[in-house]
Each structure stands twice: as C-alpha cells, then as structure tokens.
C-alpha cells in the first residue's frame, strides 16, 4: 500500500515537472470555481463558470475573463395593501397581508489576474486577482407564499437593486498547480483566499465576506 502511494506521488510530480514548458503565449480556457469554506456570515455563491483569456510573458501571465455567478434563493416580502385587524389581549392589532417572493441573485463577473510561475518546471504559480461584479436583474422570480400576516408593513413594491448592490469587487490570493498537460492542453487547480464585498444591502452580516475557494482550469494554448 505504501509503495503504491509513493509511486502515485512520483508519477504526479513527474507529470507536473513538464506541465507548463512551452505551453503557449496565449491561453483560452474555462475555469469553474466554488467556495468550500466561508469564514464570515453572508450569502454563498454556487459554482462560478468563467471564460478566461490569458497571455504569457516569460514566467508572468496576465488574464481577464467573464463569468456568471448565482447565489442561493433569496426571499423578501411585499405588502398587498390589505390590512386585517385582530384582537390580541383585548387590543386591536393590525396585520398586513403580504406576499413572500423569491429569486436567485446573479452577477456577471469580470476577473483580472496576474500570475507568476516560481518553480523551475513552472508547474507551480502564485496568483493575485481582482474581480468586478455587475448585478444581473434577469433571473426569474417566483411567489413562495401568499397571504402572510405581518405585524409591520413591508414595501408594496421592491426593486432588486434595493436589495443588492449594483456593483461589487473581490480580491483573491492563491497558489496554483498544473495537474496535467499536453502540447496544447492543460488542467490546473488553484486554491485561493477570497475577500468579497457583501452584495446584500440589508443584512446583519459584515461588509466583507471571506471564503476559501477552489478553481479548476481547462486551457488550450496557442503560439508556442
């Protein structure tokens, strides 16, 4: 068992030792990302698929991309304008008839990054990036519940940009590894620490959300 484990490690590092050499000056690829741990309270996104274009110069590379980020379903109330009065402990208490609505907040994301390959085989790289997020108001909404009775009246109409910021930014720092490569194709993995502006406006959470994120890259190289 131990011999098989050591053999597997040897084969992994042997494959990584030539994973980056002469791969290409221009790379195109898809990079799905997902958060495996969240250290501060806030909304957690699902998987984030991103299309990336990357240019290399010696051991440095600069990349930019575009992706789509969906959060879990978000719920909020709107008031129908109807009031029902009920007697509670001998007092008349107004209840506001409301509708519970739900949708999945979404953002278009534009990541910009700088990477530096530190190993002689160029199979390990340092990563620093910044991402600009732009609110996408198109996801469909559904009515989760009708006829809710609330003690306080919510708004009769709520725009989504009253609930979520139009633009946010995030910063990520990580170390990446080339897992597999041919002359024109490679697979990478990058764990990173992410500091993200909280997209939710009305929240008890902090202004910044910190997470641990894993990103896998599937790239094609050109102009070797």
Protein backbone atom coordinates (compact mmCIF):
# COMPACT_ATOMS: atom_id res chain seq x y z
CA UNK A 1 0.00 0.00 0.00
CA UNK A 2 2.78 2.40 0.94
CA UNK A 3 4.72 1.57 -2.24
CA UNK A 4 1.65 2.30 -4.36
CA UNK A 5 1.18 5.62 -2.57
CA UNK A 6 4.80 6.65 -3.15
CA UNK A 7 4.58 5.56 -6.77
CA UNK A 8 1.46 7.66 -7.23
CA UNK A 9 3.21 10.71 -5.78
CA UNK A 10 6.20 10.17 -8.04
CA UNK A 11 4.01 9.93 -11.14
CA UNK A 12 2.09 13.07 -10.12
CA UNK A 13 5.23 15.16 -9.68
CA UNK A 14 6.78 13.68 -12.81
CA UNK A 15 3.76 14.76 -14.79
CA UNK A 16 3.82 18.23 -13.21
CA UNK A 17 7.50 18.65 -14.00
CA UNK A 18 6.75 19.20 -17.68
CA UNK A 19 3.22 20.58 -17.33
CA UNK A 20 3.99 24.19 -18.28
CA UNK A 21 7.04 24.09 -20.53
CA UNK A 22 6.45 25.78 -23.89
CA UNK A 23 2.68 25.61 -23.43
CA UNK A 24 1.87 28.81 -25.30
CA UNK A 25 1.93 32.60 -25.29
CA UNK A 26 -1.87 32.79 -25.49
CA UNK A 27 -4.26 30.59 -23.50
CA UNK A 28 -8.03 30.23 -23.75
CA UNK A 29 -9.99 28.24 -21.22
CA UNK A 30 -12.90 27.56 -18.91
CA UNK A 31 -12.47 27.88 -15.14
CA UNK A 32 -15.25 26.67 -12.79
CA UNK A 33 -14.87 27.90 -9.20
CA UNK A 34 -16.68 27.02 -5.98
CA UNK A 35 -16.35 28.02 -2.34
CA UNK A 36 -15.52 25.14 0.00
CA UNK A 37 -15.46 27.23 3.21
CA UNK A 38 -16.91 30.58 4.25
CA UNK A 39 -15.38 32.32 7.25
CA UNK A 40 -17.77 35.26 7.69
CA UNK A 41 -21.56 35.44 7.60
CA UNK A 42 -23.09 36.27 4.22
CA UNK A 43 -24.54 34.90 1.01
CA UNK A 44 -22.62 31.99 -0.52
CA UNK A 45 -22.45 31.64 -4.33
CA UNK A 46 -22.81 28.38 -6.18
CA UNK A 47 -20.38 27.22 -8.86
CA UNK A 48 -18.99 30.11 -10.94
CA UNK A 49 -18.15 29.18 -14.55
CA UNK A 50 -15.74 31.66 -16.18
CA UNK A 51 -14.25 32.00 -19.67
CA UNK A 52 -10.64 33.27 -19.44
CA UNK A 53 -8.11 34.67 -21.93
CA UNK A 54 -4.52 34.68 -20.67
CA UNK A 55 -1.28 35.97 -22.14
CA UNK A 56 2.18 34.81 -21.02
CA UNK A 57 5.50 36.64 -20.96
CA UNK A 58 8.35 34.57 -19.58
CA UNK A 59 7.17 33.44 -16.11
CA UNK A 60 4.46 36.09 -15.83
CA UNK A 61 0.97 35.83 -17.22
CA UNK A 62 -1.93 38.30 -17.28
CA UNK A 63 -5.51 37.13 -17.68
CA UNK A 64 -9.01 38.54 -17.98
CA UNK A 65 -12.32 36.74 -18.18
CA UNK A 66 -16.09 36.86 -17.94
CA UNK A 67 -18.30 34.61 -15.84
CA UNK A 68 -21.72 34.24 -14.27
CA UNK A 69 -22.29 33.95 -10.54
CA UNK A 70 -25.54 32.68 -8.96
CA UNK A 71 -26.36 32.84 -5.27
CA UNK A 72 -28.88 30.71 -3.40
CA UNK A 73 -32.55 31.64 -3.42
CA UNK A 74 -33.30 34.96 -1.71
CA UNK A 75 -36.72 35.75 -0.19
CA UNK A 76 -38.45 39.05 0.62
CA UNK A 77 -41.95 40.33 1.38
CA UNK A 78 -44.17 42.88 -0.38
CA UNK A 79 -47.40 44.30 1.03
CA UNK A 80 -50.62 43.76 -0.93
CA UNK A 81 -52.23 46.89 0.55
CA UNK A 82 -54.72 44.84 2.61
CA UNK A 83 -54.94 45.04 6.41
CA UNK A 84 -56.62 42.53 8.72
CA UNK A 85 -57.37 43.66 12.28
CA UNK A 86 -57.23 41.05 15.02
CA UNK A 87 -57.97 41.25 18.71
CA UNK A 88 -55.00 40.24 20.84
CA UNK A 89 -55.10 40.57 24.64
CA UNK A 90 -58.07 42.88 24.34
CA UNK A 91 -56.36 45.18 21.83
CA UNK A 92 -56.96 45.58 18.11
CA UNK A 93 -53.72 44.76 16.29
CA UNK A 94 -53.37 45.41 12.53
CA UNK A 95 -51.79 42.65 10.41
CA UNK A 96 -50.50 43.46 6.94
CA UNK A 97 -51.34 40.90 4.28
CA UNK A 98 -48.11 40.27 2.37
CA UNK A 99 -46.63 38.09 -0.36
CA UNK A 100 -43.37 36.21 0.05
CA UNK A 101 -41.32 36.40 -3.16
CA UNK A 102 -38.13 34.55 -4.07
CA UNK A 103 -35.41 34.71 -6.75
CA UNK A 104 -31.76 33.75 -7.19
CA UNK A 105 -29.48 36.83 -7.20
CA UNK A 106 -26.96 36.76 -10.05
CA UNK A 107 -23.92 38.75 -11.13
CA UNK A 108 -21.82 38.97 -14.26
CA UNK A 109 -18.20 38.74 -13.11
CA UNK A 110 -15.08 40.12 -14.81
CA UNK A 111 -11.87 38.75 -13.21
CA UNK A 112 -8.46 40.31 -13.83
CA UNK A 113 -5.36 38.48 -12.60
CA UNK A 114 -1.59 38.31 -12.50
CA UNK A 115 0.30 35.03 -12.09
CA UNK A 116 3.96 34.21 -11.61
CA UNK A 117 5.44 30.73 -12.01
CA UNK A 118 8.01 30.16 -9.29
CA UNK A 119 9.35 26.65 -9.92
CA UNK A 120 12.00 25.73 -12.48
CA UNK A 121 9.48 23.41 -14.10
CA UNK A 122 6.92 26.26 -13.99
CA UNK A 123 4.31 23.86 -12.65
CA UNK A 124 3.57 25.96 -9.53
CA UNK A 125 2.43 29.57 -9.69
CA UNK A 126 1.47 32.43 -7.39
CA UNK A 127 -1.86 34.11 -8.12
CA UNK A 128 -3.28 37.55 -7.32
CA UNK A 129 -6.57 38.71 -8.78
CA UNK A 130 -9.35 41.27 -8.62
CA UNK A 131 -12.92 40.67 -9.81
CA UNK A 132 -15.57 43.23 -10.75
CA UNK A 133 -19.17 42.06 -10.37
CA UNK A 134 -22.21 43.60 -12.09
CA UNK A 135 -25.73 42.79 -10.92
CA UNK A 136 -27.86 40.77 -13.35
CA UNK A 137 -31.55 41.62 -12.92
CA UNK A 138 -32.88 38.99 -15.33
CA UNK A 139 -33.34 35.77 -13.25
CA UNK A 140 -37.00 34.84 -12.92
CA UNK A 141 -38.91 35.43 -9.71
CA UNK A 142 -41.47 33.17 -8.08
CA UNK A 143 -44.15 33.63 -5.43
CA UNK A 144 -43.21 31.44 -2.49
CA UNK A 145 -46.24 32.20 -0.29
CA UNK A 146 -49.34 34.38 -0.45
CA UNK A 147 -51.40 35.71 2.44
CA UNK A 148 -48.67 36.10 5.06
CA UNK A 149 -49.75 38.28 8.01
CA UNK A 150 -47.01 40.60 9.26
CA UNK A 151 -47.00 43.00 12.21
CA UNK A 152 -45.08 45.60 10.22
CA UNK A 153 -45.90 46.62 6.67
CA UNK A 154 -43.21 45.92 4.04
CA UNK A 155 -43.00 47.99 0.89
CA UNK A 156 -45.70 47.44 -1.72
CA UNK A 157 -43.04 47.19 -4.44
CA UNK A 158 -39.35 46.36 -4.12
CA UNK A 159 -36.74 46.75 -6.84
CA UNK A 160 -33.92 44.24 -6.76
CA UNK A 161 -31.29 46.97 -6.68
CA UNK A 162 -32.84 48.00 -3.34
CA UNK A 163 -31.80 44.59 -2.01
CA UNK A 164 -28.47 44.00 -3.79
CA UNK A 165 -25.63 46.27 -4.80
CA UNK A 166 -25.31 47.10 -8.47
CA UNK A 167 -21.55 46.57 -8.39
CA UNK A 168 -19.15 44.77 -6.04
CA UNK A 169 -15.46 43.87 -6.02
CA UNK A 170 -13.45 40.96 -4.68
CA UNK A 171 -9.77 40.16 -4.21
CA UNK A 172 -8.22 36.70 -4.25
CA UNK A 173 -4.75 35.35 -3.47
CA UNK A 174 -3.70 31.78 -4.05
CA UNK A 175 -1.23 29.16 -5.21
CA UNK A 176 -1.92 27.16 -8.37
CA UNK A 177 -0.68 23.84 -9.71
CA UNK A 178 -0.56 22.32 -13.17
CA UNK A 179 -2.03 18.86 -12.80
CA UNK A 180 -1.81 17.61 -16.37
CA UNK A 181 -0.59 18.95 -19.69
CA UNK A 182 -0.02 18.03 -23.32
CA UNK A 183 1.46 20.26 -26.02
CA UNK A 184 -1.81 22.19 -26.42
CA UNK A 185 -4.00 21.35 -23.40
CA UNK A 186 -3.63 21.52 -19.63
CA UNK A 187 -5.58 21.16 -16.39
CA UNK A 188 -4.85 23.39 -13.39
CA UNK A 189 -6.08 23.61 -9.81
CA UNK A 190 -5.90 26.77 -7.68
CA UNK A 191 -6.90 27.10 -4.01
CA UNK A 192 -7.27 30.74 -3.01
CA UNK A 193 -8.37 33.05 -0.21
CA UNK A 194 -11.08 35.48 -1.34
CA UNK A 195 -12.19 38.78 0.20
CA UNK A 196 -15.54 39.78 -1.31
CA UNK A 197 -17.73 42.84 -0.79
CA UNK A 198 -21.07 41.74 0.64
CA UNK A 199 -23.62 42.07 -2.21
CA UNK A 200 -26.63 42.18 0.12
CA UNK A 201 -27.70 45.66 1.26
CA UNK A 202 -30.00 44.87 4.19
CA UNK A 203 -28.06 42.34 6.21
CA UNK A 204 -26.69 41.70 9.67
CA UNK A 205 -23.50 40.36 8.12
CA UNK A 206 -20.23 42.28 7.69
CA UNK A 207 -19.29 44.50 4.76
CA UNK A 208 -16.68 41.95 3.65
CA UNK A 209 -17.17 38.19 3.18
CA UNK A 210 -14.10 35.93 3.30
CA UNK A 211 -14.04 32.47 1.75
CA UNK A 212 -11.72 29.65 0.71
CA UNK A 213 -12.23 28.91 -2.99
CA UNK A 214 -11.10 26.15 -5.35
CA UNK A 215 -10.76 26.85 -9.08
CA UNK A 216 -10.08 24.29 -11.79
CA UNK A 217 -8.79 25.41 -15.18
CA UNK A 218 -9.11 23.70 -18.57
CA UNK A 219 -6.95 25.60 -21.07
CA UNK A 220 -5.81 25.41 -24.68
CA UNK A 221 -2.50 27.07 -25.62
CA UNK A 222 -1.55 28.88 -28.84
CA UNK A 223 1.67 30.38 -30.32
CA UNK A 224 4.25 28.20 -28.61
